[in-house]
Amino acid sequence: MDHLARPPAPDGLGSTFVRNILVDGSWSVVAPLVHFLNDGPLRPPLRSPGKNARAALLADISHFMHILHGRHPGLIEYASQNADDAAQPWLMKAMDGMLAERIYLYKLTVTAGPIRRLPGQDKISSLVECQAKNFQMLATSGRQGCSSGAAIAFVLDWHQTRPLLDIVAQEMGLMPKSLVLPSVLECQQLAEKLNPDVGYRRAMAFGADQTLAQQRGLWQLIVARHVETLAG
């Protein structure tokens, strides 16, 4: 993941904005899950807690990501209705990319099977629904710059966490799909050319920060369930 944290361009408004997002994104939360799944061949077979937790984790990642991001319209589509004209070509590519990602998430969910019901499941479902509404609010904010910042942060964070989805796919015997969202460099280029006004940039930062907080919250929920399952 190191290459994602070093956008290949001189310092500027765009590169600084992207660097801050990558530093504050979901990777720090997701990394332990990646390590757990990658260490799978070393874990005991049969009905060990590790094996049970592994299957539960695959289902949780697939289902919760699909529940939150498999719906249409999502954050990117809402942002396209509200963002600056300068962002529209980038958003068109992002919408095409998310269409492919939704199909990918659906296949993961169908293959993974049902999630394990743990205490407080109704509260968890309500929390995920609340996160979906928060994404919509950020993407449709009337504050100029907020929706663009939210959309850029969402795509960058997806780049950071997408390798975990590919690991999940491989674990379940599926072929990982190529990612066709705008690249990290394209995100940086868009951030660079948007309005340099201080107020606009503050709104971009707010949209990005709140989007990342929602994304980290989802992954922290998945991690908490994983820890509970491991504890048996």
Protein backbone atom coordinates (compact mmCIF):
# COMPACT_ATOMS: atom_id res chain seq x y z
CA MET A 1 0.00 0.00 0.00
CA ASP A 2 3.00 2.34 0.24
CA HIS A 3 2.60 3.51 -3.36
CA LEU A 4 -0.84 4.91 -2.54
CA ALA A 5 0.60 7.21 0.12
CA ARG A 6 3.03 8.90 -2.27
CA PRO A 7 1.15 10.63 -5.11
CA PRO A 8 3.68 11.22 -7.91
CA ALA A 9 3.44 14.99 -8.22
CA PRO A 10 4.96 18.13 -6.67
CA ASP A 11 3.38 19.50 -3.52
CA GLY A 12 0.29 21.60 -4.16
CA LEU A 13 -3.33 21.87 -3.14
CA GLY A 14 -4.18 18.59 -4.85
CA SER A 15 -1.28 16.54 -3.57
CA THR A 16 -1.67 17.83 -0.02
CA PHE A 17 -5.39 17.07 -0.05
CA VAL A 18 -4.82 13.53 -1.35
CA ARG A 19 -1.95 12.83 1.04
CA ASN A 20 -4.07 13.83 4.04
CA ILE A 21 -6.87 11.52 2.91
CA LEU A 22 -4.56 8.56 2.45
CA VAL A 23 -3.01 9.11 5.86
CA ASP A 24 -6.40 9.38 7.59
CA GLY A 25 -8.15 6.64 5.60
CA SER A 26 -9.33 3.17 6.53
CA TRP A 27 -6.13 1.25 5.88
CA SER A 28 -5.00 1.32 9.51
CA VAL A 29 -8.30 -0.34 10.49
CA VAL A 30 -8.30 -2.82 7.59
CA ALA A 31 -4.65 -3.90 7.83
CA PRO A 32 -5.16 -6.37 10.74
CA LEU A 33 -7.95 -8.08 8.78
CA VAL A 34 -5.65 -8.43 5.77
CA HIS A 35 -2.95 -9.94 7.97
CA PHE A 36 -5.43 -12.36 9.54
CA LEU A 37 -6.66 -13.63 6.18
CA ASN A 38 -3.17 -13.81 4.69
CA ASP A 39 -2.02 -15.92 7.64
CA GLY A 40 -4.82 -18.41 7.01
CA PRO A 41 -2.70 -21.31 5.72
CA LEU A 42 -0.80 -21.31 9.03
CA ARG A 43 -3.92 -21.66 11.15
CA PRO A 44 -5.18 -25.00 12.52
CA PRO A 45 -7.74 -26.87 10.37
CA LEU A 46 -11.12 -28.31 11.23
CA ARG A 47 -13.29 -26.50 13.76
CA SER A 48 -10.72 -24.18 15.27
CA PRO A 49 -11.82 -20.72 16.44
CA GLY A 50 -9.59 -19.28 13.73
CA LYS A 51 -11.35 -21.19 10.98
CA ASN A 52 -14.81 -20.24 12.24
CA ALA A 53 -13.75 -16.61 12.58
CA ARG A 54 -12.33 -16.71 9.07
CA ALA A 55 -15.63 -17.76 7.49
CA ALA A 56 -17.54 -15.24 9.60
CA LEU A 57 -15.15 -12.46 8.57
CA LEU A 58 -15.54 -13.23 4.86
CA ALA A 59 -19.32 -13.03 5.24
CA ASP A 60 -19.21 -9.83 7.31
CA ILE A 61 -16.97 -7.99 4.85
CA SER A 62 -19.07 -9.06 1.89
CA HIS A 63 -22.44 -8.32 3.44
CA PHE A 64 -21.76 -5.05 5.23
CA MET A 65 -19.91 -3.57 2.26
CA HIS A 66 -22.79 -4.60 0.02
CA ILE A 67 -25.45 -3.25 2.37
CA LEU A 68 -23.75 0.14 2.55
CA HIS A 69 -22.22 0.53 -0.90
CA GLY A 70 -24.14 -1.91 -3.09
CA ARG A 71 -27.16 0.35 -3.32
CA HIS A 72 -27.86 2.80 -6.13
CA PRO A 73 -27.70 5.76 -6.01
CA GLY A 74 -24.70 5.97 -3.73
CA LEU A 75 -22.38 8.73 -2.62
CA ILE A 76 -20.81 9.17 -6.07
CA GLU A 77 -24.17 9.42 -7.85
CA TYR A 78 -25.50 11.91 -5.31
CA ALA A 79 -22.32 13.98 -5.61
CA SER A 80 -22.68 14.11 -9.40
CA GLN A 81 -25.93 16.03 -8.94
CA ASN A 82 -24.28 18.63 -6.76
CA ALA A 83 -20.58 18.94 -7.60
CA ASP A 84 -18.85 21.53 -9.76
CA ASP A 85 -18.83 21.22 -13.54
CA ALA A 86 -15.05 20.70 -13.39
CA ALA A 87 -15.62 17.47 -11.47
CA GLN A 88 -18.21 15.97 -13.81
CA PRO A 89 -15.88 14.01 -16.18
CA TRP A 90 -14.14 12.50 -13.14
CA LEU A 91 -17.50 11.69 -11.58
CA MET A 92 -18.72 10.00 -14.76
CA LYS A 93 -15.73 7.66 -14.61
CA ALA A 94 -16.32 7.12 -10.89
CA MET A 95 -19.97 6.22 -11.51
CA ASP A 96 -18.98 3.66 -14.13
CA GLY A 97 -16.43 2.25 -11.72
CA MET A 98 -18.93 1.96 -8.87
CA LEU A 99 -21.37 0.17 -11.16
CA ALA A 100 -18.73 -2.53 -11.62
CA GLU A 101 -17.93 -2.52 -7.90
CA ARG A 102 -21.60 -3.08 -7.00
CA ILE A 103 -21.70 -6.15 -9.23
CA TYR A 104 -18.51 -7.37 -7.54
CA LEU A 105 -19.97 -6.82 -4.06
CA TYR A 106 -23.15 -8.67 -5.03
CA LYS A 107 -21.15 -11.70 -6.18
CA LEU A 108 -19.14 -11.68 -2.96
CA THR A 109 -22.30 -11.51 -0.86
CA VAL A 110 -24.05 -14.34 -2.67
CA THR A 111 -20.98 -16.56 -2.40
CA ALA A 112 -20.24 -15.77 1.25
CA GLY A 113 -23.58 -16.94 2.60
CA PRO A 114 -25.40 -15.43 5.60
CA ILE A 115 -23.69 -13.45 8.33
CA ARG A 116 -23.49 -14.72 11.87
CA ARG A 117 -26.10 -13.13 14.10
CA LEU A 118 -24.48 -11.66 17.20
CA PRO A 119 -26.02 -9.83 20.18
CA GLY A 120 -27.12 -6.34 19.23
CA GLN A 121 -27.66 -7.22 15.55
CA ASP A 122 -30.65 -4.87 15.21
CA LYS A 123 -28.56 -1.99 16.53
CA ILE A 124 -25.82 -2.80 14.02
CA SER A 125 -28.28 -2.81 11.14
CA SER A 126 -29.63 0.58 12.23
CA LEU A 127 -26.10 1.95 12.43
CA VAL A 128 -25.33 0.90 8.86
CA GLU A 129 -28.55 2.49 7.63
CA CYS A 130 -27.60 5.68 9.44
CA GLN A 131 -24.21 5.67 7.73
CA ALA A 132 -25.90 5.44 4.33
CA LYS A 133 -27.97 8.53 5.16
CA ASN A 134 -24.84 10.35 6.31
CA PHE A 135 -23.14 9.63 2.98
CA GLN A 136 -26.15 11.04 1.15
CA MET A 137 -26.14 14.18 3.29
CA LEU A 138 -22.45 14.81 2.60
CA ALA A 139 -22.82 14.25 -1.13
CA THR A 140 -25.85 16.55 -1.40
CA SER A 141 -24.60 19.28 0.91
CA GLY A 142 -25.30 22.81 -0.28
CA ARG A 143 -21.89 23.89 0.97
CA GLN A 144 -19.76 24.34 -2.15
CA GLY A 145 -16.83 21.92 -2.18
CA CYS A 146 -18.25 19.45 0.34
CA SER A 147 -19.63 16.97 -2.19
CA SER A 148 -16.44 17.04 -4.30
CA GLY A 149 -14.28 16.46 -1.23
CA ALA A 150 -16.52 13.60 -0.10
CA ALA A 151 -16.43 11.93 -3.53
CA ILE A 152 -12.64 12.18 -3.86
CA ALA A 153 -12.13 10.83 -0.35
CA PHE A 154 -14.52 7.96 -1.01
CA VAL A 155 -12.66 6.84 -4.15
CA LEU A 156 -9.24 7.18 -2.52
CA ASP A 157 -10.36 5.17 0.49
CA TRP A 158 -11.79 2.53 -1.83
CA HIS A 159 -8.34 2.20 -3.40
CA GLN A 160 -6.89 1.55 0.05
CA THR A 161 -9.41 -1.10 1.08
CA ARG A 162 -10.10 -2.78 -2.28
CA PRO A 163 -7.19 -5.28 -1.88
CA LEU A 164 -9.09 -6.78 1.06
CA LEU A 165 -12.12 -7.41 -1.18
CA ASP A 166 -9.82 -9.22 -3.62
CA ILE A 167 -8.49 -11.40 -0.79
CA VAL A 168 -12.08 -12.21 0.19
CA ALA A 169 -12.87 -13.14 -3.42
CA GLN A 170 -9.86 -15.43 -3.69
CA GLU A 171 -10.70 -17.08 -0.37
CA MET A 172 -14.11 -17.97 -1.77
CA GLY A 173 -12.80 -19.18 -5.12
CA LEU A 174 -13.79 -16.11 -7.13
CA MET A 175 -11.61 -14.24 -9.58
CA PRO A 176 -10.72 -10.69 -8.42
CA LYS A 177 -11.98 -7.97 -10.72
CA SER A 178 -9.97 -5.10 -12.14
CA LEU A 179 -10.64 -1.78 -10.46
CA VAL A 180 -11.83 0.86 -12.94
CA LEU A 181 -12.40 3.80 -10.59
CA PRO A 182 -10.38 6.98 -11.17
CA SER A 183 -6.75 6.44 -10.17
CA VAL A 184 -5.01 8.10 -7.23
CA LEU A 185 -3.27 10.41 -9.69
CA GLU A 186 -6.60 11.33 -11.32
CA CYS A 187 -8.01 12.12 -7.88
CA GLN A 188 -5.04 14.37 -7.22
CA GLN A 189 -5.41 16.12 -10.57
CA LEU A 190 -9.07 16.83 -9.88
CA ALA A 191 -8.35 18.13 -6.39
CA GLU A 192 -5.66 20.38 -7.86
CA LYS A 193 -7.92 22.07 -10.40
CA LEU A 194 -10.94 22.68 -8.20
CA ASN A 195 -11.66 26.10 -6.69
CA PRO A 196 -8.62 27.29 -4.64
CA ASP A 197 -10.74 29.60 -2.47
CA VAL A 198 -10.09 29.04 1.24
CA GLY A 199 -13.76 28.51 2.06
CA TYR A 200 -14.17 26.03 -0.75
CA ARG A 201 -11.08 24.10 0.38
CA ARG A 202 -12.36 23.98 3.95
CA ALA A 203 -15.62 22.52 2.68
CA MET A 204 -13.68 19.95 0.64
CA ALA A 205 -11.71 18.98 3.74
CA PHE A 206 -14.89 18.72 5.79
CA GLY A 207 -16.56 16.47 3.22
CA ALA A 208 -13.47 14.30 3.02
CA ASP A 209 -13.01 14.04 6.80
CA GLN A 210 -16.62 13.09 7.42
CA THR A 211 -16.59 10.52 4.62
CA LEU A 212 -13.47 8.90 6.02
CA ALA A 213 -15.01 8.86 9.49
CA GLN A 214 -18.02 6.95 8.13
CA GLN A 215 -15.79 4.52 6.25
CA ARG A 216 -13.57 3.87 9.25
CA GLY A 217 -16.70 3.39 11.35
CA LEU A 218 -17.92 0.62 9.06
CA TRP A 219 -14.59 -1.18 9.15
CA GLN A 220 -14.35 -0.77 12.94
CA LEU A 221 -17.75 -2.44 13.18
CA ILE A 222 -16.48 -5.37 11.12
CA VAL A 223 -13.33 -5.59 13.24
CA ALA A 224 -15.36 -5.57 16.47
CA ARG A 225 -17.51 -8.45 15.23
CA HIS A 226 -14.36 -10.31 14.19
CA VAL A 227 -12.82 -9.89 17.64
CA GLU A 228 -16.03 -11.09 19.28
CA THR A 229 -16.13 -14.15 17.04
CA LEU A 230 -12.50 -14.99 17.81
CA ALA A 231 -13.25 -14.75 21.52
CA GLY A 232 -15.89 -17.43 20.96
